Amino acid sequence: MALFGTQGPGEQVGYDGARVVAAIGHLVSHGDGRARAPFRVEADEFVLAAGSIHPPLILRASNLGGPAV
């Protein structure tokens, strides 16, 4: 399992059909909050923990969840 934290806009998950295989985003500068280097983390298991508002936004940005999101 991979554990990481991000604070960047436009975060996505990568998937291959029915399962998530990667977390995709940008490292963010603590000084000015600007997105810096892109990253892609691949793992066998993921837990989407992004507060109460952001999970639907991340799923929608990743084209997951359909109209229910």
C-alpha atoms as a PDB file:
ATOM      1  CA  MET A   1       0.000   0.000   0.000  1.00  0.00           C
ATOM      2  CA  ALA A   2       1.242   3.508  -0.843  1.00  0.00           C
ATOM      3  CA  LEU A   3       0.697   6.401   1.567  1.00  0.00           C
ATOM      4  CA  PHE A   4       1.103   9.962   0.320  1.00  0.00           C
ATOM      5  CA  GLY A   5      -0.476  13.380   0.708  1.00  0.00           C
ATOM      6  CA  THR A   6      -1.025  16.092  -1.874  1.00  0.00           C
ATOM      7  CA  GLN A   7      -2.577  19.523  -1.972  1.00  0.00           C
ATOM      8  CA  GLY A   8      -2.639  20.134  -5.691  1.00  0.00           C
ATOM      9  CA  PRO A   9      -5.577  20.903  -7.973  1.00  0.00           C
ATOM     10  CA  GLY A  10      -6.647  18.446 -10.639  1.00  0.00           C
ATOM     11  CA  GLU A  11      -5.567  15.295  -8.835  1.00  0.00           C
ATOM     12  CA  GLN A  12      -6.652  12.104 -10.591  1.00  0.00           C
ATOM     13  CA  VAL A  13      -6.566   8.356 -10.251  1.00  0.00           C
ATOM     14  CA  GLY A  14      -5.344   6.094 -13.037  1.00  0.00           C
ATOM     15  CA  TYR A  15      -7.298   2.918 -13.676  1.00  0.00           C
ATOM     16  CA  ASP A  16      -7.273  -0.111 -15.947  1.00  0.00           C
ATOM     17  CA  GLY A  17     -10.907  -1.015 -16.413  1.00  0.00           C
ATOM     18  CA  ALA A  18     -12.438  -1.662 -13.007  1.00  0.00           C
ATOM     19  CA  ARG A  19      -9.612  -0.942 -10.572  1.00  0.00           C
ATOM     20  CA  VAL A  20      -7.409   1.991  -9.585  1.00  0.00           C
ATOM     21  CA  VAL A  21      -3.735   1.404 -10.345  1.00  0.00           C
ATOM     22  CA  ALA A  22      -2.171   4.859  -9.838  1.00  0.00           C
ATOM     23  CA  ALA A  23      -2.522   8.233  -8.149  1.00  0.00           C
ATOM     24  CA  ILE A  24      -1.616  11.137 -10.440  1.00  0.00           C
ATOM     25  CA  GLY A  25      -1.009  14.764  -9.526  1.00  0.00           C
ATOM     26  CA  HIS A  26       1.535  17.513  -8.962  1.00  0.00           C
ATOM     27  CA  LEU A  27       3.781  18.264  -6.021  1.00  0.00           C
ATOM     28  CA  VAL A  28       2.834  21.651  -4.586  1.00  0.00           C
ATOM     29  CA  SER A  29       5.125  24.341  -3.225  1.00  0.00           C
ATOM     30  CA  HIS A  30       4.390  25.169   0.412  1.00  0.00           C
ATOM     31  CA  GLY A  31       5.632  28.725  -0.139  1.00  0.00           C
ATOM     32  CA  ASP A  32       3.358  29.918  -2.939  1.00  0.00           C
ATOM     33  CA  GLY A  33       0.973  26.963  -3.407  1.00  0.00           C
ATOM     34  CA  ARG A  34       1.881  26.560  -7.072  1.00  0.00           C
ATOM     35  CA  ALA A  35       1.916  23.132  -8.705  1.00  0.00           C
ATOM     36  CA  ARG A  36       5.459  21.938  -9.388  1.00  0.00           C
ATOM     37  CA  ALA A  37       6.693  18.548 -10.575  1.00  0.00           C
ATOM     38  CA  PRO A  38       4.142  15.959 -11.764  1.00  0.00           C
ATOM     39  CA  PHE A  39       4.003  12.583 -10.015  1.00  0.00           C
ATOM     40  CA  ARG A  40       2.453   9.165 -10.600  1.00  0.00           C
ATOM     41  CA  VAL A  41       2.355   6.623  -7.753  1.00  0.00           C
ATOM     42  CA  GLU A  42       1.463   3.031  -8.624  1.00  0.00           C
ATOM     43  CA  ALA A  43       0.363   0.493  -5.997  1.00  0.00           C
ATOM     44  CA  ASP A  44      -1.803  -2.597  -5.529  1.00  0.00           C
ATOM     45  CA  GLU A  45      -4.221  -0.828  -3.142  1.00  0.00           C
ATOM     46  CA  PHE A  46      -5.401   2.765  -2.694  1.00  0.00           C
ATOM     47  CA  VAL A  47      -7.529   4.588  -0.138  1.00  0.00           C
ATOM     48  CA  LEU A  48      -9.062   7.847  -1.347  1.00  0.00           C
ATOM     49  CA  ALA A  49      -9.050  10.133   1.695  1.00  0.00           C
ATOM     50  CA  ALA A  50      -9.563  13.714   0.564  1.00  0.00           C
ATOM     51  CA  GLY A  51     -12.025  15.193   3.023  1.00  0.00           C
ATOM     52  CA  SER A  52     -15.762  15.503   2.501  1.00  0.00           C
ATOM     53  CA  ILE A  53     -15.775  17.554  -0.706  1.00  0.00           C
ATOM     54  CA  HIS A  54     -12.801  16.484  -2.823  1.00  0.00           C
ATOM     55  CA  PRO A  55     -13.377  12.725  -3.463  1.00  0.00           C
ATOM     56  CA  PRO A  56     -16.244  13.345  -5.936  1.00  0.00           C
ATOM     57  CA  LEU A  57     -14.127  15.981  -7.704  1.00  0.00           C
ATOM     58  CA  ILE A  58     -11.204  13.572  -8.005  1.00  0.00           C
ATOM     59  CA  LEU A  59     -13.475  10.784  -9.287  1.00  0.00           C
ATOM     60  CA  ARG A  60     -15.083  13.119 -11.832  1.00  0.00           C
ATOM     61  CA  ALA A  61     -11.673  14.379 -13.007  1.00  0.00           C
ATOM     62  CA  SER A  62     -10.714  10.718 -13.530  1.00  0.00           C
ATOM     63  CA  ASN A  63     -13.910   9.918 -15.501  1.00  0.00           C
ATOM     64  CA  LEU A  64     -15.090   7.520 -12.778  1.00  0.00           C
ATOM     65  CA  GLY A  65     -18.468   7.282 -11.066  1.00  0.00           C
ATOM     66  CA  GLY A  66     -20.786   8.334 -13.867  1.00  0.00           C
ATOM     67  CA  PRO A  67     -23.696  10.723 -13.274  1.00  0.00           C
ATOM     68  CA  ALA A  68     -24.053   9.636  -9.629  1.00  0.00           C
ATOM     69  CA  VAL A  69     -20.877  11.554  -8.697  1.00  0.00           C
END
